[in-house]
Amino acid sequence: MNANDKPLVWFHGEVKTPPFSHAARLEAGFLLRKLQQGDTLSMPHSRPMPLVGPQCHELRVNDTGKTWRIIYRIDADAIVICAVFEKKTQKTSKNIIDMCQQRLKQYDRDGE
């Protein structure tokens, strides 16, 4: 990791790594590394998630027979991973959005 790269912040005990295939794990790692290096991702890899909050996005990782999503926020000093889940419908569930909002609020409170 380069000294200028942003670290990935995972919610310890909250965000679990899903059972990605080897190819999906490589893709997710490649895309997360690009974010750490300051690259801006767009469709088809990432899309904004303003319902979660400012600077929040949904990373899309296609796998064998599954579609994974990684909800993240781009902060000045880090990439904050809010949730990783299998997406089964077009719309992100309210439960996932609420959970991400709560985790980010807690993260921001803890950082004060």
N, C-alpha and C. Protein backbone atom coordinates (compact mmCIF):
# COMPACT_ATOMS: atom_id res chain seq x y z
N MET A 1 0.85 -1.18 0.00
CA MET A 1 0.00 0.00 0.00
C MET A 1 0.89 1.24 0.00
N ASN A 2 0.58 2.17 -0.85
CA ASN A 2 1.29 3.42 -0.95
C ASN A 2 0.94 4.31 0.24
N ALA A 3 1.85 5.15 0.67
CA ALA A 3 1.61 6.03 1.82
C ALA A 3 0.44 6.98 1.59
N ASN A 4 0.13 7.29 0.33
CA ASN A 4 -0.98 8.19 0.01
C ASN A 4 -2.32 7.48 -0.10
N ASP A 5 -2.32 6.15 -0.08
CA ASP A 5 -3.57 5.40 -0.19
C ASP A 5 -4.41 5.55 1.07
N LYS A 6 -5.72 5.62 0.88
CA LYS A 6 -6.63 5.68 2.01
C LYS A 6 -6.82 4.27 2.57
N PRO A 7 -6.85 4.12 3.88
CA PRO A 7 -7.12 2.80 4.44
C PRO A 7 -8.60 2.43 4.28
N LEU A 8 -8.86 1.13 4.28
CA LEU A 8 -10.24 0.64 4.32
C LEU A 8 -10.62 0.49 5.79
N VAL A 9 -11.76 1.01 6.16
CA VAL A 9 -12.26 0.89 7.53
C VAL A 9 -13.46 -0.04 7.50
N TRP A 10 -13.35 -1.17 8.20
CA TRP A 10 -14.43 -2.15 8.30
C TRP A 10 -15.00 -2.07 9.71
N PHE A 11 -16.27 -2.22 9.87
CA PHE A 11 -16.90 -2.25 11.19
C PHE A 11 -16.63 -3.60 11.82
N HIS A 12 -15.66 -3.65 12.73
CA HIS A 12 -15.25 -4.90 13.37
C HIS A 12 -16.44 -5.62 13.99
N GLY A 13 -16.62 -6.87 13.60
CA GLY A 13 -17.70 -7.67 14.14
C GLY A 13 -19.05 -7.41 13.49
N GLU A 14 -19.13 -6.37 12.68
CA GLU A 14 -20.40 -6.01 12.05
C GLU A 14 -20.45 -6.43 10.59
N VAL A 15 -19.39 -6.13 9.85
CA VAL A 15 -19.35 -6.44 8.42
C VAL A 15 -18.60 -7.75 8.24
N LYS A 16 -19.26 -8.72 7.66
CA LYS A 16 -18.67 -10.04 7.44
C LYS A 16 -18.36 -10.22 5.95
N THR A 17 -17.26 -10.88 5.66
CA THR A 17 -16.91 -11.16 4.28
C THR A 17 -17.81 -12.27 3.75
N PRO A 18 -18.48 -12.04 2.65
CA PRO A 18 -19.38 -13.06 2.10
C PRO A 18 -18.58 -14.17 1.41
N PRO A 19 -19.25 -15.25 1.09
CA PRO A 19 -18.56 -16.36 0.41
C PRO A 19 -18.37 -16.08 -1.09
N PHE A 20 -17.52 -15.08 -1.39
CA PHE A 20 -17.20 -14.76 -2.77
C PHE A 20 -16.49 -15.94 -3.43
N SER A 21 -16.69 -16.09 -4.73
CA SER A 21 -15.85 -17.01 -5.49
C SER A 21 -14.47 -16.35 -5.59
N HIS A 22 -13.48 -17.11 -6.05
CA HIS A 22 -12.13 -16.56 -6.20
C HIS A 22 -12.14 -15.36 -7.14
N ALA A 23 -12.84 -15.46 -8.26
CA ALA A 23 -12.89 -14.37 -9.24
C ALA A 23 -13.57 -13.13 -8.65
N ALA A 24 -14.65 -13.31 -7.91
CA ALA A 24 -15.36 -12.17 -7.31
C ALA A 24 -14.50 -11.52 -6.24
N ARG A 25 -13.76 -12.31 -5.48
CA ARG A 25 -12.87 -11.77 -4.45
C ARG A 25 -11.78 -10.90 -5.10
N LEU A 26 -11.23 -11.38 -6.22
CA LEU A 26 -10.22 -10.61 -6.94
C LEU A 26 -10.80 -9.30 -7.47
N GLU A 27 -12.01 -9.37 -8.03
CA GLU A 27 -12.66 -8.17 -8.56
C GLU A 27 -12.92 -7.16 -7.45
N ALA A 28 -13.48 -7.62 -6.33
CA ALA A 28 -13.77 -6.72 -5.21
C ALA A 28 -12.47 -6.08 -4.70
N GLY A 29 -11.42 -6.88 -4.56
CA GLY A 29 -10.14 -6.35 -4.10
C GLY A 29 -9.57 -5.32 -5.06
N PHE A 30 -9.67 -5.60 -6.36
CA PHE A 30 -9.17 -4.67 -7.37
C PHE A 30 -9.92 -3.34 -7.30
N LEU A 31 -11.26 -3.40 -7.21
CA LEU A 31 -12.07 -2.19 -7.17
C LEU A 31 -11.84 -1.40 -5.88
N LEU A 32 -11.74 -2.10 -4.75
CA LEU A 32 -11.47 -1.41 -3.48
C LEU A 32 -10.10 -0.75 -3.50
N ARG A 33 -9.12 -1.40 -4.11
CA ARG A 33 -7.78 -0.81 -4.22
C ARG A 33 -7.83 0.48 -5.06
N LYS A 34 -8.60 0.49 -6.13
CA LYS A 34 -8.74 1.69 -6.95
C LYS A 34 -9.32 2.84 -6.11
N LEU A 35 -10.31 2.52 -5.27
CA LEU A 35 -10.89 3.54 -4.39
C LEU A 35 -9.84 4.07 -3.41
N GLN A 36 -9.04 3.17 -2.85
CA GLN A 36 -8.00 3.57 -1.92
C GLN A 36 -7.00 4.51 -2.57
N GLN A 37 -6.75 4.32 -3.84
CA GLN A 37 -5.78 5.13 -4.57
C GLN A 37 -6.38 6.45 -5.07
N GLY A 38 -7.67 6.67 -4.77
CA GLY A 38 -8.31 7.94 -5.12
C GLY A 38 -9.04 7.94 -6.44
N ASP A 39 -9.11 6.80 -7.11
CA ASP A 39 -9.86 6.73 -8.37
C ASP A 39 -11.36 6.86 -8.10
N THR A 40 -12.07 7.43 -9.04
CA THR A 40 -13.52 7.54 -8.97
C THR A 40 -14.11 6.43 -9.83
N LEU A 41 -14.97 5.63 -9.25
CA LEU A 41 -15.62 4.55 -9.99
C LEU A 41 -17.03 4.98 -10.37
N SER A 42 -17.49 4.49 -11.51
CA SER A 42 -18.85 4.77 -11.95
C SER A 42 -19.47 3.48 -12.47
N MET A 43 -20.65 3.59 -13.05
CA MET A 43 -21.33 2.42 -13.60
C MET A 43 -20.44 1.78 -14.66
N PRO A 44 -20.39 0.50 -14.74
CA PRO A 44 -21.24 -0.47 -14.08
C PRO A 44 -20.70 -0.95 -12.73
N HIS A 45 -19.55 -0.41 -12.27
CA HIS A 45 -18.93 -0.90 -11.05
C HIS A 45 -19.49 -0.28 -9.77
N SER A 46 -19.90 0.97 -9.84
CA SER A 46 -20.33 1.67 -8.64
C SER A 46 -21.38 2.71 -9.01
N ARG A 47 -22.27 2.95 -8.05
CA ARG A 47 -23.26 4.01 -8.25
C ARG A 47 -23.48 4.73 -6.93
N PRO A 48 -23.83 6.01 -6.97
CA PRO A 48 -24.07 6.77 -5.74
C PRO A 48 -25.27 6.21 -4.97
N MET A 49 -25.21 6.33 -3.66
CA MET A 49 -26.30 5.92 -2.77
C MET A 49 -26.66 7.08 -1.85
N PRO A 50 -27.28 8.15 -2.40
CA PRO A 50 -27.59 9.32 -1.58
C PRO A 50 -28.57 9.01 -0.45
N LEU A 51 -29.37 7.96 -0.57
CA LEU A 51 -30.27 7.60 0.52
C LEU A 51 -29.51 7.20 1.78
N VAL A 52 -28.32 6.64 1.61
CA VAL A 52 -27.50 6.26 2.76
C VAL A 52 -26.86 7.51 3.36
N GLY A 53 -26.32 8.38 2.49
CA GLY A 53 -25.71 9.61 2.97
C GLY A 53 -24.79 10.20 1.93
N PRO A 54 -24.23 11.38 2.23
CA PRO A 54 -23.30 12.02 1.31
C PRO A 54 -22.05 11.15 1.11
N GLN A 55 -21.54 11.15 -0.09
CA GLN A 55 -20.33 10.41 -0.46
C GLN A 55 -20.47 8.90 -0.31
N CYS A 56 -21.71 8.40 -0.23
CA CYS A 56 -21.95 6.96 -0.11
C CYS A 56 -22.24 6.37 -1.49
N HIS A 57 -21.75 5.15 -1.68
CA HIS A 57 -21.87 4.48 -2.97
C HIS A 57 -22.11 3.00 -2.75
N GLU A 58 -22.53 2.35 -3.83
CA GLU A 58 -22.75 0.90 -3.83
C GLU A 58 -21.81 0.29 -4.87
N LEU A 59 -20.88 -0.52 -4.41
CA LEU A 59 -19.97 -1.23 -5.30
C LEU A 59 -20.66 -2.51 -5.74
N ARG A 60 -20.61 -2.80 -7.03
CA ARG A 60 -21.29 -3.97 -7.60
C ARG A 60 -20.27 -5.03 -7.97
N VAL A 61 -20.44 -6.22 -7.41
CA VAL A 61 -19.55 -7.33 -7.71
C VAL A 61 -20.41 -8.51 -8.18
N ASN A 62 -20.26 -8.87 -9.44
CA ASN A 62 -21.00 -10.00 -9.98
C ASN A 62 -20.22 -11.28 -9.73
N ASP A 63 -20.95 -12.31 -9.33
CA ASP A 63 -20.36 -13.59 -8.99
C ASP A 63 -21.14 -14.67 -9.72
N THR A 64 -20.70 -15.89 -9.62
CA THR A 64 -21.38 -17.00 -10.26
C THR A 64 -22.77 -17.16 -9.63
N GLY A 65 -23.80 -16.76 -10.37
CA GLY A 65 -25.17 -16.91 -9.90
C GLY A 65 -25.60 -15.97 -8.80
N LYS A 66 -24.74 -15.02 -8.41
CA LYS A 66 -25.07 -14.08 -7.34
C LYS A 66 -24.56 -12.70 -7.70
N THR A 67 -25.16 -11.72 -7.07
CA THR A 67 -24.70 -10.35 -7.20
C THR A 67 -24.46 -9.81 -5.80
N TRP A 68 -23.25 -9.36 -5.52
CA TRP A 68 -22.89 -8.82 -4.21
C TRP A 68 -22.84 -7.30 -4.28
N ARG A 69 -23.12 -6.69 -3.16
CA ARG A 69 -23.03 -5.24 -3.04
C ARG A 69 -22.18 -4.91 -1.82
N ILE A 70 -21.37 -3.87 -1.98
CA ILE A 70 -20.57 -3.33 -0.88
C ILE A 70 -20.94 -1.85 -0.78
N ILE A 71 -21.56 -1.48 0.32
CA ILE A 71 -21.92 -0.08 0.55
C ILE A 71 -20.73 0.58 1.24
N TYR A 72 -20.26 1.70 0.67
CA TYR A 72 -19.10 2.37 1.24
C TYR A 72 -19.28 3.88 1.17
N ARG A 73 -18.48 4.56 2.01
CA ARG A 73 -18.46 6.02 2.00
C ARG A 73 -17.02 6.47 1.79
N ILE A 74 -16.85 7.48 0.95
CA ILE A 74 -15.53 8.03 0.70
C ILE A 74 -15.33 9.22 1.64
N ASP A 75 -14.44 9.05 2.61
CA ASP A 75 -14.07 10.12 3.52
C ASP A 75 -12.73 10.71 3.06
N ALA A 76 -12.36 11.82 3.61
CA ALA A 76 -11.08 12.45 3.24
C ALA A 76 -9.90 11.57 3.61
N ASP A 77 -10.06 10.78 4.68
CA ASP A 77 -8.93 9.99 5.18
C ASP A 77 -9.12 8.48 5.10
N ALA A 78 -10.25 8.01 4.58
CA ALA A 78 -10.50 6.56 4.55
C ALA A 78 -11.66 6.21 3.62
N ILE A 79 -11.73 4.93 3.29
CA ILE A 79 -12.90 4.36 2.62
C ILE A 79 -13.60 3.53 3.69
N VAL A 80 -14.82 3.92 4.06
CA VAL A 80 -15.54 3.27 5.15
C VAL A 80 -16.52 2.26 4.56
N ILE A 81 -16.33 0.98 4.90
CA ILE A 81 -17.19 -0.10 4.42
C ILE A 81 -18.34 -0.26 5.40
N CYS A 82 -19.56 -0.02 4.94
CA CYS A 82 -20.74 -0.06 5.81
C CYS A 82 -21.42 -1.42 5.82
N ALA A 83 -21.48 -2.08 4.65
CA ALA A 83 -22.19 -3.35 4.55
C ALA A 83 -21.73 -4.11 3.32
N VAL A 84 -21.79 -5.43 3.42
CA VAL A 84 -21.55 -6.32 2.30
C VAL A 84 -22.69 -7.33 2.31
N PHE A 85 -23.40 -7.46 1.19
CA PHE A 85 -24.56 -8.35 1.18
C PHE A 85 -24.85 -8.82 -0.23
N GLU A 86 -25.61 -9.91 -0.31
CA GLU A 86 -26.07 -10.41 -1.60
C GLU A 86 -27.32 -9.65 -1.98
N LYS A 87 -27.33 -9.09 -3.17
CA LYS A 87 -28.50 -8.34 -3.63
C LYS A 87 -29.38 -9.25 -4.46
N LYS A 88 -30.63 -9.37 -4.04
CA LYS A 88 -31.56 -10.28 -4.71
C LYS A 88 -32.67 -9.56 -5.45
N THR A 89 -32.83 -8.26 -5.18
CA THR A 89 -33.88 -7.48 -5.84
C THR A 89 -33.27 -6.21 -6.42
N GLN A 90 -34.03 -5.51 -7.24
CA GLN A 90 -33.56 -4.26 -7.85
C GLN A 90 -33.31 -3.18 -6.81
N LYS A 91 -34.17 -3.13 -5.80
CA LYS A 91 -34.13 -2.06 -4.81
C LYS A 91 -33.39 -2.54 -3.55
N THR A 92 -32.52 -1.67 -3.03
CA THR A 92 -31.84 -1.97 -1.77
C THR A 92 -32.86 -1.83 -0.64
N SER A 93 -32.91 -2.84 0.23
CA SER A 93 -33.92 -2.85 1.28
C SER A 93 -33.72 -1.70 2.27
N LYS A 94 -34.83 -1.26 2.84
CA LYS A 94 -34.80 -0.20 3.85
C LYS A 94 -33.96 -0.63 5.04
N ASN A 95 -33.99 -1.91 5.39
CA ASN A 95 -33.19 -2.40 6.52
C ASN A 95 -31.70 -2.17 6.30
N ILE A 96 -31.23 -2.44 5.09
CA ILE A 96 -29.81 -2.24 4.75
C ILE A 96 -29.47 -0.76 4.81
N ILE A 97 -30.32 0.08 4.23
CA ILE A 97 -30.07 1.53 4.23
C ILE A 97 -30.04 2.06 5.66
N ASP A 98 -31.01 1.67 6.49
CA ASP A 98 -31.06 2.12 7.89
C ASP A 98 -29.82 1.65 8.65
N MET A 99 -29.42 0.39 8.44
CA MET A 99 -28.25 -0.17 9.12
C MET A 99 -27.00 0.63 8.75
N CYS A 100 -26.83 0.93 7.48
CA CYS A 100 -25.66 1.70 7.03
C CYS A 100 -25.66 3.10 7.65
N GLN A 101 -26.82 3.73 7.67
CA GLN A 101 -26.91 5.07 8.26
C GLN A 101 -26.52 5.03 9.74
N GLN A 102 -27.00 4.02 10.47
CA GLN A 102 -26.67 3.90 11.89
C GLN A 102 -25.18 3.65 12.10
N ARG A 103 -24.60 2.78 11.28
CA ARG A 103 -23.17 2.49 11.42
C ARG A 103 -22.33 3.73 11.15
N LEU A 104 -22.72 4.50 10.13
CA LEU A 104 -21.97 5.72 9.83
C LEU A 104 -22.12 6.77 10.92
N LYS A 105 -23.30 6.90 11.50
CA LYS A 105 -23.50 7.82 12.62
C LYS A 105 -22.59 7.43 13.78
N GLN A 106 -22.55 6.14 14.09
CA GLN A 106 -21.70 5.65 15.18
C GLN A 106 -20.23 5.91 14.87
N TYR A 107 -19.84 5.64 13.63
CA TYR A 107 -18.45 5.87 13.20
C TYR A 107 -18.09 7.35 13.37
N ASP A 108 -18.98 8.24 12.95
CA ASP A 108 -18.72 9.67 13.06
C ASP A 108 -18.66 10.11 14.54
N ARG A 109 -19.54 9.55 15.38
CA ARG A 109 -19.51 9.88 16.82
C ARG A 109 -18.21 9.40 17.45
N ASP A 110 -17.79 8.20 17.09
CA ASP A 110 -16.56 7.63 17.68
C ASP A 110 -15.33 8.42 17.25
N GLY A 111 -15.40 9.04 16.09
CA GLY A 111 -14.26 9.80 15.58
C GLY A 111 -14.13 11.20 16.14
N GLU A 112 -15.13 11.65 16.87
CA GLU A 112 -15.09 13.02 17.41
C GLU A 112 -14.19 13.12 18.61
